[in-house]
Amino acid sequence: MAVLMTLLAISFVNLGLAFGGRNPRLHLFIAGGCLMGLGLMIYPLEF
C-alpha cells in the first residue's frame, strides 16, 4: 500500500507541475486534497 501511495503522490506532483505553471500553489493544494481523500479511503483497508 505504501508503494501505491508513493506512486500516486509522484503522479499528482507531476500533474501539478504540468498544469500548474501559472498558479502552482492551487494545483499543489488540489493534489494534496486528492491524496488526503485517497489516504482516508485506503486507511481502513490497511488495518
C-alpha atoms as a PDB file:
ATOM      1  CA  MET A   1       0.000   0.000   0.000  1.00  0.00           C
ATOM      2  CA  ALA A   2       2.865   2.381   0.735  1.00  0.00           C
ATOM      3  CA  VAL A   3       4.227   1.851  -2.768  1.00  0.00           C
ATOM      4  CA  LEU A   4       0.804   2.636  -4.241  1.00  0.00           C
ATOM      5  CA  MET A   5       0.553   5.850  -2.243  1.00  0.00           C
ATOM      6  CA  THR A   6       4.072   6.857  -3.309  1.00  0.00           C
ATOM      7  CA  LEU A   7       3.261   6.291  -6.982  1.00  0.00           C
ATOM      8  CA  LEU A   8       0.031   8.286  -6.599  1.00  0.00           C
ATOM      9  CA  ALA A   9       1.923  11.105  -4.905  1.00  0.00           C
ATOM     10  CA  ILE A  10       4.501  11.217  -7.712  1.00  0.00           C
ATOM     11  CA  SER A  11       1.791  11.238 -10.378  1.00  0.00           C
ATOM     12  CA  PHE A  12      -0.102  14.055  -8.627  1.00  0.00           C
ATOM     13  CA  VAL A  13       3.087  16.108  -8.284  1.00  0.00           C
ATOM     14  CA  ASN A  14       3.804  15.594 -11.979  1.00  0.00           C
ATOM     15  CA  LEU A  15       0.254  16.703 -12.838  1.00  0.00           C
ATOM     16  CA  GLY A  16       0.675  19.765 -10.645  1.00  0.00           C
ATOM     17  CA  LEU A  17       3.941  20.670 -12.361  1.00  0.00           C
ATOM     18  CA  ALA A  18       2.426  20.078 -15.803  1.00  0.00           C
ATOM     19  CA  PHE A  19      -0.759  22.119 -15.296  1.00  0.00           C
ATOM     20  CA  GLY A  20       0.311  24.471 -12.506  1.00  0.00           C
ATOM     21  CA  GLY A  21       2.700  26.656 -14.488  1.00  0.00           C
ATOM     22  CA  ARG A  22       0.752  29.838 -13.773  1.00  0.00           C
ATOM     23  CA  ASN A  23      -0.509  29.019 -10.299  1.00  0.00           C
ATOM     24  CA  PRO A  24       1.393  26.038  -8.849  1.00  0.00           C
ATOM     25  CA  ARG A  25       0.083  26.579  -5.320  1.00  0.00           C
ATOM     26  CA  LEU A  26      -3.502  25.975  -6.428  1.00  0.00           C
ATOM     27  CA  HIS A  27      -2.617  22.727  -8.163  1.00  0.00           C
ATOM     28  CA  LEU A  28      -0.495  21.516  -5.241  1.00  0.00           C
ATOM     29  CA  PHE A  29      -3.467  22.268  -2.980  1.00  0.00           C
ATOM     30  CA  ILE A  30      -5.793  20.246  -5.240  1.00  0.00           C
ATOM     31  CA  ALA A  31      -3.290  17.379  -5.459  1.00  0.00           C
ATOM     32  CA  GLY A  32      -2.889  17.414  -1.675  1.00  0.00           C
ATOM     33  CA  GLY A  33      -6.652  17.263  -1.243  1.00  0.00           C
ATOM     34  CA  CYS A  34      -6.901  14.319  -3.633  1.00  0.00           C
ATOM     35  CA  LEU A  35      -4.100  12.499  -1.811  1.00  0.00           C
ATOM     36  CA  MET A  36      -5.756  13.102   1.560  1.00  0.00           C
ATOM     37  CA  GLY A  37      -9.045  11.765   0.203  1.00  0.00           C
ATOM     38  CA  LEU A  38      -7.352   8.665  -1.195  1.00  0.00           C
ATOM     39  CA  GLY A  39      -5.500   8.184   2.084  1.00  0.00           C
ATOM     40  CA  LEU A  40      -8.758   8.328   4.045  1.00  0.00           C
ATOM     41  CA  MET A  41     -10.281   5.728   1.703  1.00  0.00           C
ATOM     42  CA  ILE A  42      -7.260   3.399   1.844  1.00  0.00           C
ATOM     43  CA  TYR A  43      -6.515   3.819   5.576  1.00  0.00           C
ATOM     44  CA  PRO A  44      -9.332   1.494   6.797  1.00  0.00           C
ATOM     45  CA  LEU A  45      -8.221  -1.172   4.313  1.00  0.00           C
ATOM     46  CA  GLU A  46      -4.743  -1.327   5.821  1.00  0.00           C
ATOM     47  CA  PHE A  47      -5.931  -2.116   9.352  1.00  0.00           C
END
